[in-house]
Protein backbone atom coordinates (compact mmCIF):
# COMPACT_ATOMS: atom_id res chain seq x y z
CA MET A 1 -27.46 17.13 -4.61
CA ASP A 2 -30.80 15.91 -3.59
CA LYS A 3 -29.38 12.28 -3.06
CA PRO A 4 -27.05 10.53 -1.33
CA THR A 5 -26.01 8.92 -4.62
CA HIS A 6 -25.25 12.17 -6.59
CA LEU A 7 -22.81 13.33 -3.26
CA VAL A 8 -20.72 10.26 -3.95
CA GLU A 9 -21.21 10.98 -7.81
CA PHE A 10 -19.60 14.17 -7.28
CA GLU A 11 -16.56 13.26 -4.60
CA SER A 12 -15.69 10.51 -6.82
CA MET A 13 -15.49 12.79 -10.04
CA LEU A 14 -13.49 15.28 -7.19
CA LEU A 15 -11.36 12.07 -5.99
CA GLY A 16 -10.37 11.38 -10.09
CA ARG A 17 -8.86 15.24 -10.02
CA HIS A 18 -7.20 15.02 -6.92
CA ALA A 19 -4.87 11.93 -7.57
CA HIS A 20 -2.40 13.71 -8.63
CA LEU A 21 -2.02 15.06 -5.14
CA TYR A 22 -1.73 11.62 -3.76
CA GLY A 23 -0.26 9.82 -7.02
CA PRO A 24 3.44 9.22 -7.56
CA ARG A 25 5.97 11.92 -8.37
CA ALA A 26 5.89 13.02 -11.78
CA ARG A 27 6.91 10.62 -15.12
CA ALA A 28 9.96 13.16 -15.92
CA ALA A 29 11.09 12.42 -11.84
CA GLY A 30 11.86 8.77 -12.23
CA GLY A 31 10.17 6.74 -14.65
CA GLN A 32 6.49 6.71 -13.10
CA LEU A 33 4.10 3.72 -14.55
CA ASP A 34 1.37 5.09 -16.73
CA ARG A 35 -2.05 4.21 -15.30
CA SER A 36 -2.18 1.27 -17.07
CA ALA A 37 0.76 -0.36 -16.86
CA TYR A 38 0.48 0.27 -12.84
CA VAL A 39 -2.81 -1.36 -13.16
CA LEU A 40 -2.06 -4.46 -15.12
CA LEU A 41 1.14 -4.99 -13.52
CA THR A 42 -0.34 -5.16 -10.49
CA ARG A 43 -2.90 -8.07 -11.94
CA ILE A 44 -0.11 -10.05 -12.73
CA ARG A 45 1.51 -10.13 -9.58
CA MET A 46 -0.95 -10.77 -7.34
CA HIS A 47 -2.17 -13.91 -10.24
CA GLY A 48 1.11 -14.79 -11.52
CA PRO A 49 1.79 -14.80 -15.79
CA MET A 50 -1.25 -14.25 -17.07
CA SER A 51 -1.77 -14.11 -21.23
CA ILE A 52 -3.54 -11.73 -23.33
CA GLY A 53 -6.61 -13.37 -23.16
CA GLN A 54 -6.90 -13.44 -19.33
CA LEU A 55 -6.12 -10.31 -19.28
CA SER A 56 -8.46 -9.19 -21.72
CA GLU A 57 -11.14 -10.93 -19.46
CA ALA A 58 -9.60 -9.95 -16.36
CA PHE A 59 -10.59 -6.61 -17.65
CA GLY A 60 -13.32 -6.94 -19.99
CA LEU A 61 -10.84 -4.80 -22.47
CA ASP A 62 -10.32 -6.06 -26.10
CA ALA A 63 -7.20 -8.08 -26.84
CA SER A 64 -6.32 -4.94 -29.97
CA THR A 65 -5.80 -2.92 -26.70
CA LEU A 66 -3.93 -4.99 -24.59
CA ASN A 67 -1.90 -5.60 -27.59
CA ARG A 68 -0.81 -1.91 -27.40
CA GLN A 69 -0.54 -1.48 -23.67
CA THR A 70 1.78 -4.86 -23.40
CA ALA A 71 3.47 -3.54 -26.10
CA ALA A 72 4.42 -0.32 -24.19
CA MET A 73 5.38 -2.36 -21.28
CA LEU A 74 7.83 -4.65 -23.25
CA ARG A 75 9.27 -1.62 -24.58
CA ALA A 76 9.84 -0.66 -20.63
CA GLY A 77 11.22 -3.94 -19.50
CA VAL A 78 8.61 -4.12 -16.93
CA VAL A 79 7.40 -7.59 -18.40
CA GLU A 80 8.61 -10.28 -20.13
CA ARG A 81 6.76 -12.97 -22.73
CA ILE A 82 7.34 -16.36 -21.22
CA PRO A 83 5.83 -19.85 -22.85
CA ASP A 84 3.09 -20.81 -20.88
CA PRO A 85 3.94 -23.17 -17.79
CA ASP A 86 1.01 -24.89 -17.30
CA GLY A 87 1.80 -25.73 -21.15
CA GLY A 88 -0.68 -24.40 -23.00
CA ILE A 89 0.01 -22.79 -26.26
CA ALA A 90 -0.94 -18.60 -25.60
CA ARG A 91 2.75 -16.97 -24.18
CA LYS A 92 1.75 -15.16 -20.99
CA PHE A 93 3.21 -11.83 -19.59
CA ARG A 94 5.13 -11.99 -16.64
CA ILE A 95 6.59 -9.47 -14.63
CA THR A 96 10.34 -8.19 -14.49
CA GLU A 97 13.06 -7.01 -11.93
CA GLU A 98 12.33 -3.59 -13.18
CA GLY A 99 8.39 -3.90 -13.54
CA GLU A 100 8.99 -4.98 -9.75
CA SER A 101 11.52 -1.91 -8.83
CA ARG A 102 9.16 0.20 -10.44
CA LEU A 103 5.70 -1.26 -8.96
CA GLU A 104 6.76 -0.76 -5.98
CA ALA A 105 8.23 2.22 -5.96
CA ASP A 106 5.50 3.69 -7.22
CA ARG A 107 3.22 2.13 -4.95
CA ALA A 108 5.12 3.18 -1.98
CA SER A 109 4.64 6.87 -3.69
CA ASN A 110 1.00 6.44 -4.03
CA ILE A 111 0.64 5.21 -0.33
CA GLU A 112 3.24 8.22 1.16
CA GLY A 113 1.29 10.27 -0.49
CA LEU A 114 -1.99 8.76 0.92
CA GLU A 115 -0.16 9.10 4.33
CA ARG A 116 -0.10 12.57 3.78
CA VAL A 117 -3.94 13.56 2.97
CA MET A 118 -4.66 11.33 5.81
CA GLU A 119 -2.24 12.05 8.94
CA GLU A 120 -4.58 13.74 10.69
CA TRP A 121 -7.46 10.98 10.58
CA SER A 122 -7.32 8.60 13.24
CA PRO A 123 -6.25 5.20 13.06
CA GLU A 124 -10.12 4.18 12.71
CA ASP A 125 -11.23 6.67 10.12
CA VAL A 126 -8.51 5.13 8.02
CA SER A 127 -9.36 1.36 8.41
CA ARG A 128 -13.54 2.11 8.25
CA PHE A 129 -13.03 4.73 4.69
CA ALA A 130 -10.80 1.30 3.83
CA ALA A 131 -13.64 -0.88 4.37
CA TYR A 132 -16.06 1.06 2.85
CA LEU A 133 -13.94 1.21 -0.69
CA GLU A 134 -13.35 -2.64 -0.42
CA ARG A 135 -17.20 -3.01 -0.29
CA PHE A 136 -17.64 -0.24 -3.13
CA ASN A 137 -15.08 -2.03 -5.21
CA ARG A 138 -16.36 -5.45 -4.71
CA ASP A 139 -19.91 -4.33 -5.55
CA ILE A 140 -18.33 -2.82 -8.73
CA GLU A 141 -16.70 -6.16 -9.39
CA ARG A 142 -19.89 -8.63 -8.56
CA LEU A 143 -22.21 -6.30 -11.29
CA GLU A 144 -19.20 -6.62 -13.50
CA GLY A 145 -18.34 -10.44 -12.85
CA ARG A 146 -15.07 -9.66 -12.99
CA PRO A 147 -13.86 -10.22 -9.12
CA TRP A 148 -10.29 -8.35 -8.19
CA PRO A 149 -7.98 -10.69 -6.76
CA ARG A 150 -7.18 -9.03 -3.32
CA PRO A 151 -4.51 -9.99 -0.85
């Protein structure tokens, strides 16, 4: 642990391990979305309806992986297939009311958990932490060539 990047690696490993402390309630307690659905729904919410090709490009995943994930999301009723609003051939996935509701519930639960974790932090510390996380994510996106839309 002689370099700062070694500490960043270690702390990010722990962050992944601790996600359950600030993440949504257990699936059995109320229908929590799985991680892939949460991320895909967030992207569709921000971008609007997306085809498998667009999702593949946005996430760098192959179509077969996305077909499995979107099929599960269709079965769960959180997305629906619609004709391309722009007149293209490919059908697109649009978030449903159920999807919006479940995404918002999970997001609210995530935020509540983060607020519990950071309850003793100053607002300035929370803002600085958010700014560093955004910078870190933007640099990853720059290297991957896949920027994420932000509000």
